[in-house]
Amino acid sequence: MAKQKFADLPPAQQRAIVIAGAVQLALLAAALVDISRRPQDQIKGPKPLWVGISFINTIGPLAYFFFGRKRQSGEAGPAEADSLTVGGSTAVGFPAVDGSPVVDGSPAADG
């Protein structure tokens, strides 16, 4: 099978490739910035190792964000973020910038 050129791909596939590349570069940039700004004592393992791992497509930066950073006290992990509650009931949205709870219109939110 002959190699297909990017220009010969359908527009939907071209867009998907460009979007996937942009996501990859954004993840890489975010991981590298976080590694450079975060003190060594807040990273699990040596910083140079995580810099190298971050260059592994998509999986590297995600591995750093999920496994390479030490949790701060009060920082919700991925699992805890889904179970945040407001007034004893599960929050439907995110809290406002000023920290006030989300009002979803349900009777539980009134009380």
PDB file of N, CA and C in Angstrom:
ATOM      1  N   MET A   1       0.832  -1.172   0.000  1.00  0.00           N
ATOM      2  CA  MET A   1       0.000   0.000   0.000  1.00  0.00           C
ATOM      3  C   MET A   1       0.885   1.247   0.000  1.00  0.00           C
ATOM      4  N   ALA A   2       0.588   2.172  -0.890  1.00  0.00           N
ATOM      5  CA  ALA A   2       1.370   3.403  -1.003  1.00  0.00           C
ATOM      6  C   ALA A   2       1.051   4.335   0.158  1.00  0.00           C
ATOM      7  N   LYS A   3       2.053   5.104   0.543  1.00  0.00           N
ATOM      8  CA  LYS A   3       1.836   6.067   1.621  1.00  0.00           C
ATOM      9  C   LYS A   3       0.916   7.178   1.133  1.00  0.00           C
ATOM     10  N   GLN A   4       0.008   7.560   2.002  1.00  0.00           N
ATOM     11  CA  GLN A   4      -0.950   8.602   1.662  1.00  0.00           C
ATOM     12  C   GLN A   4      -0.433   9.938   2.195  1.00  0.00           C
ATOM     13  N   LYS A   5      -0.545  10.982   1.405  1.00  0.00           N
ATOM     14  CA  LYS A   5      -0.115  12.303   1.827  1.00  0.00           C
ATOM     15  C   LYS A   5      -1.222  12.966   2.635  1.00  0.00           C
ATOM     16  N   PHE A   6      -0.795  13.902   3.504  1.00  0.00           N
ATOM     17  CA  PHE A   6      -1.756  14.617   4.339  1.00  0.00           C
ATOM     18  C   PHE A   6      -2.794  15.337   3.477  1.00  0.00           C
ATOM     19  N   ALA A   7      -2.366  15.924   2.395  1.00  0.00           N
ATOM     20  CA  ALA A   7      -3.274  16.674   1.524  1.00  0.00           C
ATOM     21  C   ALA A   7      -4.311  15.775   0.856  1.00  0.00           C
ATOM     22  N   ASP A   8      -4.014  14.468   0.746  1.00  0.00           N
ATOM     23  CA  ASP A   8      -4.942  13.539   0.114  1.00  0.00           C
ATOM     24  C   ASP A   8      -6.002  13.008   1.078  1.00  0.00           C
ATOM     25  N   LEU A   9      -5.849  13.287   2.379  1.00  0.00           N
ATOM     26  CA  LEU A   9      -6.825  12.813   3.363  1.00  0.00           C
ATOM     27  C   LEU A   9      -8.098  13.639   3.290  1.00  0.00           C
ATOM     28  N   PRO A  10      -9.219  13.038   3.674  1.00  0.00           N
ATOM     29  CA  PRO A  10     -10.466  13.818   3.737  1.00  0.00           C
ATOM     30  C   PRO A  10     -10.339  14.939   4.779  1.00  0.00           C
ATOM     31  N   PRO A  11     -11.061  16.031   4.595  1.00  0.00           N
ATOM     32  CA  PRO A  11     -10.955  17.167   5.531  1.00  0.00           C
ATOM     33  C   PRO A  11     -11.230  16.791   6.987  1.00  0.00           C
ATOM     34  N   ALA A  12     -12.143  15.874   7.234  1.00  0.00           N
ATOM     35  CA  ALA A  12     -12.445  15.472   8.615  1.00  0.00           C
ATOM     36  C   ALA A  12     -11.227  14.809   9.256  1.00  0.00           C
ATOM     37  N   GLN A  13     -10.508  13.986   8.518  1.00  0.00           N
ATOM     38  CA  GLN A  13      -9.311  13.343   9.056  1.00  0.00           C
ATOM     39  C   GLN A  13      -8.185  14.352   9.250  1.00  0.00           C
ATOM     40  N   GLN A  14      -8.077  15.306   8.339  1.00  0.00           N
ATOM     41  CA  GLN A  14      -7.068  16.350   8.500  1.00  0.00           C
ATOM     42  C   GLN A  14      -7.317  17.145   9.781  1.00  0.00           C
ATOM     43  N   ARG A  15      -8.578  17.527  10.026  1.00  0.00           N
ATOM     44  CA  ARG A  15      -8.918  18.262  11.242  1.00  0.00           C
ATOM     45  C   ARG A  15      -8.621  17.437  12.482  1.00  0.00           C
ATOM     46  N   ALA A  16      -8.951  16.145  12.455  1.00  0.00           N
ATOM     47  CA  ALA A  16      -8.715  15.282  13.607  1.00  0.00           C
ATOM     48  C   ALA A  16      -7.223  15.186  13.919  1.00  0.00           C
ATOM     49  N   ILE A  17      -6.394  15.096  12.894  1.00  0.00           N
ATOM     50  CA  ILE A  17      -4.949  15.014  13.095  1.00  0.00           C
ATOM     51  C   ILE A  17      -4.415  16.320  13.675  1.00  0.00           C
ATOM     52  N   VAL A  18      -4.890  17.441  13.166  1.00  0.00           N
ATOM     53  CA  VAL A  18      -4.445  18.739  13.673  1.00  0.00           C
ATOM     54  C   VAL A  18      -4.877  18.923  15.124  1.00  0.00           C
ATOM     55  N   ILE A  19      -6.115  18.555  15.446  1.00  0.00           N
ATOM     56  CA  ILE A  19      -6.615  18.683  16.821  1.00  0.00           C
ATOM     57  C   ILE A  19      -5.826  17.780  17.762  1.00  0.00           C
ATOM     58  N   ALA A  20      -5.578  16.536  17.349  1.00  0.00           N
ATOM     59  CA  ALA A  20      -4.809  15.607  18.182  1.00  0.00           C
ATOM     60  C   ALA A  20      -3.392  16.141  18.419  1.00  0.00           C
ATOM     61  N   GLY A  21      -2.792  16.725  17.398  1.00  0.00           N
ATOM     62  CA  GLY A  21      -1.456  17.309  17.557  1.00  0.00           C
ATOM     63  C   GLY A  21      -1.464  18.495  18.504  1.00  0.00           C
ATOM     64  N   ALA A  22      -2.508  19.323  18.413  1.00  0.00           N
ATOM     65  CA  ALA A  22      -2.611  20.479  19.300  1.00  0.00           C
ATOM     66  C   ALA A  22      -2.803  20.038  20.746  1.00  0.00           C
ATOM     67  N   VAL A  23      -3.618  19.011  20.959  1.00  0.00           N
ATOM     68  CA  VAL A  23      -3.819  18.489  22.313  1.00  0.00           C
ATOM     69  C   VAL A  23      -2.511  17.931  22.867  1.00  0.00           C
ATOM     70  N   GLN A  24      -1.782  17.203  22.047  1.00  0.00           N
ATOM     71  CA  GLN A  24      -0.499  16.643  22.470  1.00  0.00           C
ATOM     72  C   GLN A  24       0.472  17.741  22.870  1.00  0.00           C
ATOM     73  N   LEU A  25       0.576  18.782  22.049  1.00  0.00           N
ATOM     74  CA  LEU A  25       1.497  19.876  22.361  1.00  0.00           C
ATOM     75  C   LEU A  25       1.062  20.645  23.606  1.00  0.00           C
ATOM     76  N   ALA A  26      -0.241  20.822  23.785  1.00  0.00           N
ATOM     77  CA  ALA A  26      -0.739  21.519  24.978  1.00  0.00           C
ATOM     78  C   ALA A  26      -0.429  20.716  26.242  1.00  0.00           C
ATOM     79  N   LEU A  27      -0.638  19.404  26.190  1.00  0.00           N
ATOM     80  CA  LEU A  27      -0.315  18.555  27.343  1.00  0.00           C
ATOM     81  C   LEU A  27       1.175  18.593  27.655  1.00  0.00           C
ATOM     82  N   LEU A  28       1.992  18.511  26.622  1.00  0.00           N
ATOM     83  CA  LEU A  28       3.441  18.555  26.811  1.00  0.00           C
ATOM     84  C   LEU A  28       3.857  19.879  27.434  1.00  0.00           C
ATOM     85  N   ALA A  29       3.343  20.981  26.900  1.00  0.00           N
ATOM     86  CA  ALA A  29       3.697  22.297  27.428  1.00  0.00           C
ATOM     87  C   ALA A  29       3.247  22.442  28.880  1.00  0.00           C
ATOM     88  N   ALA A  30       2.036  22.003  29.178  1.00  0.00           N
ATOM     89  CA  ALA A  30       1.524  22.115  30.552  1.00  0.00           C
ATOM     90  C   ALA A  30       2.371  21.291  31.513  1.00  0.00           C
ATOM     91  N   ALA A  31       2.749  20.085  31.104  1.00  0.00           N
ATOM     92  CA  ALA A  31       3.567  19.229  31.971  1.00  0.00           C
ATOM     93  C   ALA A  31       4.947  19.845  32.195  1.00  0.00           C
ATOM     94  N   LEU A  32       5.568  20.345  31.132  1.00  0.00           N
ATOM     95  CA  LEU A  32       6.908  20.918  31.272  1.00  0.00           C
ATOM     96  C   LEU A  32       6.894  22.183  32.125  1.00  0.00           C
ATOM     97  N   VAL A  33       5.875  23.012  31.963  1.00  0.00           N
ATOM     98  CA  VAL A  33       5.766  24.221  32.784  1.00  0.00           C
ATOM     99  C   VAL A  33       5.548  23.842  34.241  1.00  0.00           C
ATOM    100  N   ASP A  34       4.675  22.859  34.488  1.00  0.00           N
ATOM    101  CA  ASP A  34       4.410  22.441  35.859  1.00  0.00           C
ATOM    102  C   ASP A  34       5.660  21.847  36.507  1.00  0.00           C
ATOM    103  N   ILE A  35       6.388  21.037  35.754  1.00  0.00           N
ATOM    104  CA  ILE A  35       7.613  20.437  36.290  1.00  0.00           C
ATOM    105  C   ILE A  35       8.639  21.524  36.626  1.00  0.00           C
ATOM    106  N   SER A  36       8.748  22.525  35.762  1.00  0.00           N
ATOM    107  CA  SER A  36       9.759  23.562  36.008  1.00  0.00           C
ATOM    108  C   SER A  36       9.384  24.462  37.181  1.00  0.00           C
ATOM    109  N   ARG A  37       8.104  24.682  37.424  1.00  0.00           N
ATOM    110  CA  ARG A  37       7.669  25.579  38.501  1.00  0.00           C
ATOM    111  C   ARG A  37       7.500  24.868  39.845  1.00  0.00           C
ATOM    112  N   ARG A  38       7.248  23.585  39.827  1.00  0.00           N
ATOM    113  CA  ARG A  38       6.975  22.848  41.061  1.00  0.00           C
ATOM    114  C   ARG A  38       8.286  22.475  41.745  1.00  0.00           C
ATOM    115  N   PRO A  39       8.388  22.702  43.067  1.00  0.00           N
ATOM    116  CA  PRO A  39       9.607  22.298  43.787  1.00  0.00           C
ATOM    117  C   PRO A  39       9.806  20.781  43.747  1.00  0.00           C
ATOM    118  N   GLN A  40      11.068  20.362  43.815  1.00  0.00           N
ATOM    119  CA  GLN A  40      11.397  18.935  43.741  1.00  0.00           C
ATOM    120  C   GLN A  40      10.674  18.121  44.799  1.00  0.00           C
ATOM    121  N   ASP A  41      10.454  18.681  45.995  1.00  0.00           N
ATOM    122  CA  ASP A  41       9.812  17.912  47.055  1.00  0.00           C
ATOM    123  C   ASP A  41       8.330  17.672  46.806  1.00  0.00           C
ATOM    124  N   GLN A  42       7.764  18.288  45.777  1.00  0.00           N
ATOM    125  CA  GLN A  42       6.364  18.061  45.431  1.00  0.00           C
ATOM    126  C   GLN A  42       6.214  17.153  44.216  1.00  0.00           C
ATOM    127  N   ILE A  43       7.308  16.564  43.765  1.00  0.00           N
ATOM    128  CA  ILE A  43       7.292  15.657  42.612  1.00  0.00           C
ATOM    129  C   ILE A  43       7.812  14.304  43.055  1.00  0.00           C
ATOM    130  N   LYS A  44       7.117  13.249  42.648  1.00  0.00           N
ATOM    131  CA  LYS A  44       7.553  11.887  42.961  1.00  0.00           C
ATOM    132  C   LYS A  44       8.628  11.483  41.961  1.00  0.00           C
ATOM    133  N   GLY A  45       9.847  11.387  42.418  1.00  0.00           N
ATOM    134  CA  GLY A  45      10.950  11.018  41.546  1.00  0.00           C
ATOM    135  C   GLY A  45      11.695  12.243  41.058  1.00  0.00           C
ATOM    136  N   PRO A  46      12.793  12.011  40.336  1.00  0.00           N
ATOM    137  CA  PRO A  46      13.609  13.133  39.866  1.00  0.00           C
ATOM    138  C   PRO A  46      12.937  13.893  38.713  1.00  0.00           C
ATOM    139  N   LYS A  47      13.119  15.209  38.710  1.00  0.00           N
ATOM    140  CA  LYS A  47      12.532  16.049  37.664  1.00  0.00           C
ATOM    141  C   LYS A  47      13.006  15.655  36.254  1.00  0.00           C
ATOM    142  N   PRO A  48      14.304  15.392  36.047  1.00  0.00           N
ATOM    143  CA  PRO A  48      14.739  15.038  34.688  1.00  0.00           C
ATOM    144  C   PRO A  48      14.038  13.786  34.146  1.00  0.00           C
ATOM    145  N   LEU A  49      13.735  12.858  35.031  1.00  0.00           N
ATOM    146  CA  LEU A  49      13.015  11.656  34.599  1.00  0.00           C
ATOM    147  C   LEU A  49      11.629  12.025  34.078  1.00  0.00           C
ATOM    148  N   TRP A  50      10.918  12.876  34.808  1.00  0.00           N
ATOM    149  CA  TRP A  50       9.576  13.270  34.391  1.00  0.00           C
ATOM    150  C   TRP A  50       9.600  14.138  33.140  1.00  0.00           C
ATOM    151  N   VAL A  51      10.657  14.917  32.949  1.00  0.00           N
ATOM    152  CA  VAL A  51      10.789  15.683  31.706  1.00  0.00           C
ATOM    153  C   VAL A  51      10.897  14.711  30.532  1.00  0.00           C
ATOM    154  N   GLY A  52      11.721  13.697  30.668  1.00  0.00           N
ATOM    155  CA  GLY A  52      11.858  12.704  29.609  1.00  0.00           C
ATOM    156  C   GLY A  52      10.576  11.947  29.348  1.00  0.00           C
ATOM    157  N   ILE A  53       9.900  11.541  30.412  1.00  0.00           N
ATOM    158  CA  ILE A  53       8.644  10.802  30.257  1.00  0.00           C
ATOM    159  C   ILE A  53       7.587  11.680  29.599  1.00  0.00           C
ATOM    160  N   SER A  54       7.632  12.982  29.850  1.00  0.00           N
ATOM    161  CA  SER A  54       6.633  13.889  29.280  1.00  0.00           C
ATOM    162  C   SER A  54       6.690  13.934  27.758  1.00  0.00           C
ATOM    163  N   PHE A  55       7.833  13.589  27.183  1.00  0.00           N
ATOM    164  CA  PHE A  55       7.944  13.610  25.732  1.00  0.00           C
ATOM    165  C   PHE A  55       7.370  12.358  25.062  1.00  0.00           C
ATOM    166  N   ILE A  56       6.889  11.411  25.837  1.00  0.00           N
ATOM    167  CA  ILE A  56       6.198  10.247  25.273  1.00  0.00           C
ATOM    168  C   ILE A  56       4.782  10.705  24.924  1.00  0.00           C
ATOM    169  N   ASN A  57       4.410  10.554  23.677  1.00  0.00           N
ATOM    170  CA  ASN A  57       3.150  11.112  23.173  1.00  0.00           C
ATOM    171  C   ASN A  57       1.956  10.838  24.074  1.00  0.00           C
ATOM    172  N   THR A  58       1.286  11.872  24.479  1.00  0.00           N
ATOM    173  CA  THR A  58       0.052  11.918  25.253  1.00  0.00           C
ATOM    174  C   THR A  58       0.148  11.179  26.583  1.00  0.00           C
ATOM    175  N   ILE A  59       0.641   9.963  26.574  1.00  0.00           N
ATOM    176  CA  ILE A  59       0.693   9.150  27.779  1.00  0.00           C
ATOM    177  C   ILE A  59       1.671   9.733  28.794  1.00  0.00           C
ATOM    178  N   GLY A  60       2.788  10.278  28.341  1.00  0.00           N
ATOM    179  CA  GLY A  60       3.793  10.823  29.237  1.00  0.00           C
ATOM    180  C   GLY A  60       3.280  11.971  30.092  1.00  0.00           C
ATOM    181  N   PRO A  61       2.725  13.039  29.462  1.00  0.00           N
ATOM    182  CA  PRO A  61       2.189  14.128  30.280  1.00  0.00           C
ATOM    183  C   PRO A  61       1.048  13.682  31.196  1.00  0.00           C
ATOM    184  N   LEU A  62       0.176  12.818  30.702  1.00  0.00           N
ATOM    185  CA  LEU A  62      -0.920  12.331  31.541  1.00  0.00           C
ATOM    186  C   LEU A  62      -0.385  11.526  32.721  1.00  0.00           C
ATOM    187  N   ALA A  63       0.642  10.715  32.492  1.00  0.00           N
ATOM    188  CA  ALA A  63       1.246   9.949  33.584  1.00  0.00           C
ATOM    189  C   ALA A  63       1.828  10.885  34.628  1.00  0.00           C
ATOM    190  N   TYR A  64       2.468  11.969  34.172  1.00  0.00           N
ATOM    191  CA  TYR A  64       3.015  12.924  35.136  1.00  0.00           C
ATOM    192  C   TYR A  64       1.903  13.540  35.980  1.00  0.00           C
ATOM    193  N   PHE A  65       0.826  13.990  35.340  1.00  0.00           N
ATOM    194  CA  PHE A  65      -0.240  14.654  36.089  1.00  0.00           C
ATOM    195  C   PHE A  65      -0.947  13.699  37.050  1.00  0.00           C
ATOM    196  N   PHE A  66      -1.078  12.429  36.688  1.00  0.00           N
ATOM    197  CA  PHE A  66      -1.776  11.489  37.557  1.00  0.00           C
ATOM    198  C   PHE A  66      -0.865  10.824  38.587  1.00  0.00           C
ATOM    199  N   PHE A  67       0.399  10.574  38.235  1.00  0.00           N
ATOM    200  CA  PHE A  67       1.266   9.800  39.126  1.00  0.00           C
ATOM    201  C   PHE A  67       2.510  10.544  39.596  1.00  0.00           C
ATOM    202  N   GLY A  68       2.943  11.580  38.898  1.00  0.00           N
ATOM    203  CA  GLY A  68       4.214  12.223  39.203  1.00  0.00           C
ATOM    204  C   GLY A  68       4.151  13.327  40.232  1.00  0.00           C
ATOM    205  N   ARG A  69       2.972  13.888  40.439  1.00  0.00           N
ATOM    206  CA  ARG A  69       2.860  14.999  41.386  1.00  0.00           C
ATOM    207  C   ARG A  69       2.360  14.499  42.723  1.00  0.00           C
ATOM    208  N   LYS A  70       2.955  15.018  43.788  1.00  0.00           N
ATOM    209  CA  LYS A  70       2.478  14.689  45.135  1.00  0.00           C
ATOM    210  C   LYS A  70       1.248  15.539  45.414  1.00  0.00           C
ATOM    211  N   ARG A  71       0.269  14.959  46.061  1.00  0.00           N
ATOM    212  CA  ARG A  71      -0.971  15.668  46.385  1.00  0.00           C
ATOM    213  C   ARG A  71      -0.729  16.637  47.528  1.00  0.00           C
ATOM    214  N   GLN A  72      -1.250  17.834  47.384  1.00  0.00           N
ATOM    215  CA  GLN A  72      -1.218  18.823  48.450  1.00  0.00           C
ATOM    216  C   GLN A  72      -2.381  18.531  49.388  1.00  0.00           C
ATOM    217  N   SER A  73      -2.289  18.933  50.646  1.00  0.00           N
ATOM    218  CA  SER A  73      -3.438  18.784  51.525  1.00  0.00           C
ATOM    219  C   SER A  73      -4.512  19.745  51.037  1.00  0.00           C
ATOM    220  N   GLY A  74      -5.712  19.233  50.862  1.00  0.00           N
ATOM    221  CA  GLY A  74      -6.814  20.041  50.354  1.00  0.00           C
ATOM    222  C   GLY A  74      -6.948  19.984  48.847  1.00  0.00           C
ATOM    223  N   GLU A  75      -6.016  19.347  48.150  1.00  0.00           N
ATOM    224  CA  GLU A  75      -6.096  19.229  46.697  1.00  0.00           C
ATOM    225  C   GLU A  75      -6.844  17.946  46.364  1.00  0.00           C
ATOM    226  N   ALA A  76      -7.942  18.064  45.641  1.00  0.00           N
ATOM    227  CA  ALA A  76      -8.742  16.897  45.276  1.00  0.00           C
ATOM    228  C   ALA A  76      -8.067  16.163  44.132  1.00  0.00           C
ATOM    229  N   GLY A  77      -8.009  14.859  44.242  1.00  0.00           N
ATOM    230  CA  GLY A  77      -7.500  14.043  43.154  1.00  0.00           C
ATOM    231  C   GLY A  77      -8.582  13.813  42.124  1.00  0.00           C
ATOM    232  N   PRO A  78      -8.289  13.076  41.056  1.00  0.00           N
ATOM    233  CA  PRO A  78      -9.280  12.854  40.007  1.00  0.00           C
ATOM    234  C   PRO A  78     -10.546  12.168  40.519  1.00  0.00           C
ATOM    235  N   ALA A  79     -10.411  11.228  41.444  1.00  0.00           N
ATOM    236  CA  ALA A  79     -11.588  10.507  41.936  1.00  0.00           C
ATOM    237  C   ALA A  79     -12.424  11.370  42.870  1.00  0.00           C
ATOM    238  N   GLU A  80     -11.746  12.185  43.690  1.00  0.00           N
ATOM    239  CA  GLU A  80     -12.487  12.996  44.651  1.00  0.00           C
ATOM    240  C   GLU A  80     -13.206  14.160  43.986  1.00  0.00           C
ATOM    241  N   ALA A  81     -12.760  14.606  42.827  1.00  0.00           N
ATOM    242  CA  ALA A  81     -13.361  15.766  42.180  1.00  0.00           C
ATOM    243  C   ALA A  81     -14.800  15.492  41.777  1.00  0.00           C
ATOM    244  N   ASP A  82     -15.139  14.241  41.502  1.00  0.00           N
ATOM    245  CA  ASP A  82     -16.501  13.902  41.106  1.00  0.00           C
ATOM    246  C   ASP A  82     -17.444  13.826  42.296  1.00  0.00           C
ATOM    247  N   SER A  83     -16.923  13.729  43.507  1.00  0.00           N
ATOM    248  CA  SER A  83     -17.784  13.520  44.656  1.00  0.00           C
ATOM    249  C   SER A  83     -17.854  14.732  45.578  1.00  0.00           C
ATOM    250  N   LEU A  84     -17.552  15.915  45.045  1.00  0.00           N
ATOM    251  CA  LEU A  84     -17.648  17.116  45.854  1.00  0.00           C
ATOM    252  C   LEU A  84     -19.097  17.377  46.207  1.00  0.00           C
ATOM    253  N   THR A  85     -19.338  17.828  47.427  1.00  0.00           N
ATOM    254  CA  THR A  85     -20.710  18.073  47.858  1.00  0.00           C
ATOM    255  C   THR A  85     -20.875  19.490  48.341  1.00  0.00           C
ATOM    256  N   VAL A  86     -22.110  19.964  48.248  1.00  0.00           N
ATOM    257  CA  VAL A  86     -22.468  21.280  48.752  1.00  0.00           C
ATOM    258  C   VAL A  86     -23.685  21.090  49.635  1.00  0.00           C
ATOM    259  N   GLY A  87     -23.585  21.427  50.887  1.00  0.00           N
ATOM    260  CA  GLY A  87     -24.717  21.320  51.796  1.00  0.00           C
ATOM    261  C   GLY A  87     -25.233  19.899  51.954  1.00  0.00           C
ATOM    262  N   GLY A  88     -24.349  18.901  51.843  1.00  0.00           N
ATOM    263  CA  GLY A  88     -24.761  17.520  52.038  1.00  0.00           C
ATOM    264  C   GLY A  88     -25.280  16.848  50.783  1.00  0.00           C
ATOM    265  N   SER A  89     -25.476  17.584  49.689  1.00  0.00           N
ATOM    266  CA  SER A  89     -25.919  16.961  48.445  1.00  0.00           C
ATOM    267  C   SER A  89     -24.839  17.144  47.393  1.00  0.00           C
ATOM    268  N   THR A  90     -24.823  16.256  46.427  1.00  0.00           N
ATOM    269  CA  THR A  90     -23.802  16.315  45.397  1.00  0.00           C
ATOM    270  C   THR A  90     -23.990  17.562  44.552  1.00  0.00           C
ATOM    271  N   ALA A  91     -22.896  18.279  44.313  1.00  0.00           N
ATOM    272  CA  ALA A  91     -22.965  19.504  43.519  1.00  0.00           C
ATOM    273  C   ALA A  91     -23.157  19.159  42.056  1.00  0.00           C
ATOM    274  N   VAL A  92     -24.019  19.910  41.382  1.00  0.00           N
ATOM    275  CA  VAL A  92     -24.293  19.683  39.972  1.00  0.00           C
ATOM    276  C   VAL A  92     -23.279  20.422  39.110  1.00  0.00           C
ATOM    277  N   GLY A  93     -22.843  21.590  39.539  1.00  0.00           N
ATOM    278  CA  GLY A  93     -21.896  22.392  38.772  1.00  0.00           C
ATOM    279  C   GLY A  93     -20.698  22.741  39.618  1.00  0.00           C
ATOM    280  N   PHE A  94     -19.939  23.691  39.136  1.00  0.00           N
ATOM    281  CA  PHE A  94     -18.776  24.142  39.869  1.00  0.00           C
ATOM    282  C   PHE A  94     -19.149  25.338  40.725  1.00  0.00           C
ATOM    283  N   PRO A  95     -18.454  25.522  41.848  1.00  0.00           N
ATOM    284  CA  PRO A  95     -18.747  26.698  42.664  1.00  0.00           C
ATOM    285  C   PRO A  95     -18.352  27.968  41.927  1.00  0.00           C
ATOM    286  N   ALA A  96     -18.993  29.053  42.278  1.00  0.00           N
ATOM    287  CA  ALA A  96     -18.678  30.335  41.667  1.00  0.00           C
ATOM    288  C   ALA A  96     -17.277  30.765  42.081  1.00  0.00           C
ATOM    289  N   VAL A  97     -16.740  31.744  41.399  1.00  0.00           N
ATOM    290  CA  VAL A  97     -15.383  32.207  41.659  1.00  0.00           C
ATOM    291  C   VAL A  97     -15.241  32.698  43.099  1.00  0.00           C
ATOM    292  N   ASP A  98     -16.312  33.285  43.650  1.00  0.00           N
ATOM    293  CA  ASP A  98     -16.225  33.805  45.014  1.00  0.00           C
ATOM    294  C   ASP A  98     -16.386  32.714  46.066  1.00  0.00           C
ATOM    295  N   GLY A  99     -16.577  31.453  45.637  1.00  0.00           N
ATOM    296  CA  GLY A  99     -16.674  30.340  46.573  1.00  0.00           C
ATOM    297  C   GLY A  99     -18.091  30.019  46.996  1.00  0.00           C
ATOM    298  N   SER A 100     -19.077  30.786  46.519  1.00  0.00           N
ATOM    299  CA  SER A 100     -20.454  30.493  46.892  1.00  0.00           C
ATOM    300  C   SER A 100     -20.910  29.215  46.202  1.00  0.00           C
ATOM    301  N   PRO A 101     -21.814  28.439  46.836  1.00  0.00           N
ATOM    302  CA  PRO A 101     -22.229  27.163  46.255  1.00  0.00           C
ATOM    303  C   PRO A 101     -23.079  27.361  45.012  1.00  0.00           C
ATOM    304  N   VAL A 102     -23.121  26.316  44.200  1.00  0.00           N
ATOM    305  CA  VAL A 102     -23.936  26.312  42.997  1.00  0.00           C
ATOM    306  C   VAL A 102     -25.376  26.102  43.391  1.00  0.00           C
ATOM    307  N   VAL A 103     -26.259  26.861  42.811  1.00  0.00           N
ATOM    308  CA  VAL A 103     -27.694  26.683  43.039  1.00  0.00           C
ATOM    309  C   VAL A 103     -28.252  26.032  41.803  1.00  0.00           C
ATOM    310  N   ASP A 104     -28.764  24.813  41.945  1.00  0.00           N
ATOM    311  CA  ASP A 104     -29.250  24.087  40.783  1.00  0.00           C
ATOM    312  C   ASP A 104     -30.767  24.102  40.662  1.00  0.00           C
ATOM    313  N   GLY A 105     -31.476  24.772  41.543  1.00  0.00           N
ATOM    314  CA  GLY A 105     -32.920  24.859  41.442  1.00  0.00           C
ATOM    315  C   GLY A 105     -33.642  23.725  42.117  1.00  0.00           C
ATOM    316  N   SER A 106     -32.936  22.754  42.664  1.00  0.00           N
ATOM    317  CA  SER A 106     -33.600  21.636  43.323  1.00  0.00           C
ATOM    318  C   SER A 106     -34.016  22.038  44.736  1.00  0.00           C
ATOM    319  N   PRO A 107     -35.006  21.360  45.322  1.00  0.00           N
ATOM    320  CA  PRO A 107     -35.425  21.708  46.684  1.00  0.00           C
ATOM    321  C   PRO A 107     -34.303  21.610  47.698  1.00  0.00           C
ATOM    322  N   ALA A 108     -33.355  20.676  47.491  1.00  0.00           N
ATOM    323  CA  ALA A 108     -32.258  20.516  48.436  1.00  0.00           C
ATOM    324  C   ALA A 108     -31.346  21.741  48.426  1.00  0.00           C
ATOM    325  N   ALA A 109     -31.270  22.442  47.280  1.00  0.00           N
ATOM    326  CA  ALA A 109     -30.414  23.611  47.174  1.00  0.00           C
ATOM    327  C   ALA A 109     -31.001  24.813  47.912  1.00  0.00           C
ATOM    328  N   ASP A 110     -32.329  24.817  48.161  1.00  0.00           N
ATOM    329  CA  ASP A 110     -32.972  25.942  48.832  1.00  0.00           C
ATOM    330  C   ASP A 110     -32.669  25.965  50.314  1.00  0.00           C
ATOM    331  N   GLY A 111     -32.429  24.818  50.902  1.00  0.00           N
ATOM    332  CA  GLY A 111     -32.365  24.781  52.336  1.00  0.00           C
ATOM    333  C   GLY A 111     -31.047  24.817  52.901  1.00  0.00           C
TER     334      GLY A 111
END
